Amino acid sequence: MEKIVIADTDVIIDYFSDILIAGICITHDIPIITRNTAHFSRIARLQIFSY
């Protein structure tokens, strides 16, 4: 697991690949369907559906 710390903040991104996937979904205005909503719940403007 790769952890990334955003400079000058206390924000830690645990799953960089999830951030990239979320960015693609937001850019194309499509929801994400996942079993692990915890990874995506802190990302604003992302529509999340669990199954």
N, C-alpha and C. Protein backbone atom coordinates (compact mmCIF):
# COMPACT_ATOMS: atom_id res chain seq x y z
N MET A 1 0.85 -1.17 0.00
CA MET A 1 0.00 0.00 0.00
C MET A 1 0.89 1.23 0.00
N GLU A 2 0.65 2.12 -0.93
CA GLU A 2 1.40 3.35 -1.04
C GLU A 2 0.66 4.47 -0.33
N LYS A 3 1.36 5.19 0.55
CA LYS A 3 0.76 6.32 1.25
C LYS A 3 1.39 7.61 0.74
N ILE A 4 0.54 8.59 0.51
CA ILE A 4 0.99 9.89 0.02
C ILE A 4 0.50 10.95 0.99
N VAL A 5 1.38 11.85 1.40
CA VAL A 5 1.01 12.96 2.27
C VAL A 5 0.98 14.23 1.44
N ILE A 6 -0.13 14.95 1.51
CA ILE A 6 -0.24 16.21 0.79
C ILE A 6 0.56 17.27 1.54
N ALA A 7 1.43 17.97 0.85
CA ALA A 7 2.35 18.92 1.46
C ALA A 7 1.63 19.95 2.31
N ASP A 8 2.23 20.27 3.45
CA ASP A 8 1.75 21.29 4.38
C ASP A 8 0.35 21.01 4.93
N THR A 9 -0.07 19.76 4.94
CA THR A 9 -1.36 19.37 5.52
C THR A 9 -1.19 18.09 6.30
N ASP A 10 -2.23 17.69 6.98
CA ASP A 10 -2.23 16.40 7.67
C ASP A 10 -2.97 15.34 6.87
N VAL A 11 -3.24 15.62 5.61
CA VAL A 11 -4.02 14.71 4.77
C VAL A 11 -3.12 13.59 4.25
N ILE A 12 -3.55 12.37 4.49
CA ILE A 12 -2.83 11.20 3.99
C ILE A 12 -3.75 10.45 3.02
N ILE A 13 -3.24 10.17 1.85
CA ILE A 13 -3.98 9.40 0.86
C ILE A 13 -3.43 7.99 0.92
N ASP A 14 -4.27 7.05 1.34
CA ASP A 14 -3.82 5.67 1.51
C ASP A 14 -3.75 4.91 0.20
N TYR A 15 -4.65 5.17 -0.69
CA TYR A 15 -4.74 4.38 -1.92
C TYR A 15 -4.70 5.31 -3.12
N PHE A 16 -3.51 5.54 -3.65
CA PHE A 16 -3.34 6.48 -4.75
C PHE A 16 -4.13 6.06 -5.98
N SER A 17 -4.19 4.76 -6.26
CA SER A 17 -4.93 4.31 -7.44
C SER A 17 -6.42 4.62 -7.31
N ASP A 18 -6.96 4.56 -6.09
CA ASP A 18 -8.37 4.92 -5.88
C ASP A 18 -8.60 6.39 -6.17
N ILE A 19 -7.63 7.24 -5.86
CA ILE A 19 -7.75 8.67 -6.14
C ILE A 19 -7.77 8.90 -7.64
N LEU A 20 -6.95 8.19 -8.37
CA LEU A 20 -6.94 8.32 -9.83
C LEU A 20 -8.27 7.87 -10.44
N ILE A 21 -8.79 6.76 -9.97
CA ILE A 21 -10.08 6.25 -10.45
C ILE A 21 -11.19 7.25 -10.14
N ALA A 22 -11.18 7.80 -8.93
CA ALA A 22 -12.20 8.79 -8.54
C ALA A 22 -12.11 10.03 -9.42
N GLY A 23 -10.90 10.46 -9.73
CA GLY A 23 -10.72 11.63 -10.59
C GLY A 23 -11.28 11.41 -11.98
N ILE A 24 -11.11 10.24 -12.50
CA ILE A 24 -11.68 9.91 -13.82
C ILE A 24 -13.20 9.94 -13.76
N CYS A 25 -13.77 9.36 -12.70
CA CYS A 25 -15.23 9.36 -12.55
C CYS A 25 -15.78 10.77 -12.43
N ILE A 26 -15.12 11.60 -11.65
CA ILE A 26 -15.58 12.99 -11.48
C ILE A 26 -15.47 13.75 -12.80
N THR A 27 -14.35 13.58 -13.50
CA THR A 27 -14.14 14.28 -14.76
C THR A 27 -15.20 13.94 -15.79
N HIS A 28 -15.61 12.68 -15.84
CA HIS A 28 -16.58 12.22 -16.83
C HIS A 28 -18.01 12.19 -16.29
N ASP A 29 -18.18 12.66 -15.05
CA ASP A 29 -19.49 12.74 -14.41
C ASP A 29 -20.21 11.39 -14.40
N ILE A 30 -19.47 10.36 -13.97
CA ILE A 30 -20.05 9.03 -13.84
C ILE A 30 -19.86 8.55 -12.39
N PRO A 31 -20.78 7.74 -11.89
CA PRO A 31 -20.63 7.23 -10.52
C PRO A 31 -19.64 6.08 -10.47
N ILE A 32 -19.21 5.77 -9.28
CA ILE A 32 -18.36 4.60 -9.07
C ILE A 32 -19.17 3.56 -8.30
N ILE A 33 -19.01 2.31 -8.69
CA ILE A 33 -19.69 1.21 -8.01
C ILE A 33 -18.60 0.37 -7.35
N THR A 34 -18.68 0.23 -6.03
CA THR A 34 -17.62 -0.43 -5.29
C THR A 34 -18.16 -1.16 -4.07
N ARG A 35 -17.41 -2.15 -3.61
CA ARG A 35 -17.74 -2.81 -2.35
C ARG A 35 -17.07 -2.10 -1.18
N ASN A 36 -16.06 -1.30 -1.46
CA ASN A 36 -15.32 -0.63 -0.39
C ASN A 36 -15.56 0.88 -0.46
N THR A 37 -16.67 1.32 0.06
CA THR A 37 -17.01 2.74 0.01
C THR A 37 -16.11 3.59 0.90
N ALA A 38 -15.46 2.99 1.88
CA ALA A 38 -14.58 3.74 2.79
C ALA A 38 -13.43 4.40 2.03
N HIS A 39 -12.93 3.75 1.00
CA HIS A 39 -11.82 4.33 0.23
C HIS A 39 -12.22 5.60 -0.51
N PHE A 40 -13.49 5.73 -0.84
CA PHE A 40 -13.94 6.83 -1.69
C PHE A 40 -14.79 7.86 -0.94
N SER A 41 -15.15 7.59 0.28
CA SER A 41 -16.14 8.44 0.98
C SER A 41 -15.63 9.84 1.28
N ARG A 42 -14.33 10.07 1.32
CA ARG A 42 -13.80 11.42 1.61
C ARG A 42 -13.66 12.29 0.37
N ILE A 43 -14.00 11.77 -0.78
CA ILE A 43 -13.79 12.52 -2.03
C ILE A 43 -15.08 13.25 -2.40
N ALA A 44 -15.00 14.57 -2.40
CA ALA A 44 -16.17 15.40 -2.72
C ALA A 44 -16.56 15.22 -4.18
N ARG A 45 -17.84 15.40 -4.44
CA ARG A 45 -18.42 15.38 -5.79
C ARG A 45 -18.42 14.01 -6.45
N LEU A 46 -18.01 12.97 -5.74
CA LEU A 46 -18.01 11.62 -6.30
C LEU A 46 -19.28 10.90 -5.91
N GLN A 47 -19.99 10.41 -6.89
CA GLN A 47 -21.19 9.62 -6.64
C GLN A 47 -20.78 8.18 -6.39
N ILE A 48 -21.15 7.65 -5.22
CA ILE A 48 -20.72 6.31 -4.83
C ILE A 48 -21.92 5.40 -4.65
N PHE A 49 -21.84 4.23 -5.28
CA PHE A 49 -22.86 3.20 -5.09
C PHE A 49 -22.17 1.93 -4.61
N SER A 50 -22.72 1.29 -3.60
CA SER A 50 -22.13 0.04 -3.13
C SER A 50 -22.96 -1.13 -3.61
N TYR A 51 -22.35 -2.28 -3.68
CA TYR A 51 -23.07 -3.51 -4.04
C TYR A 51 -22.70 -4.62 -3.10
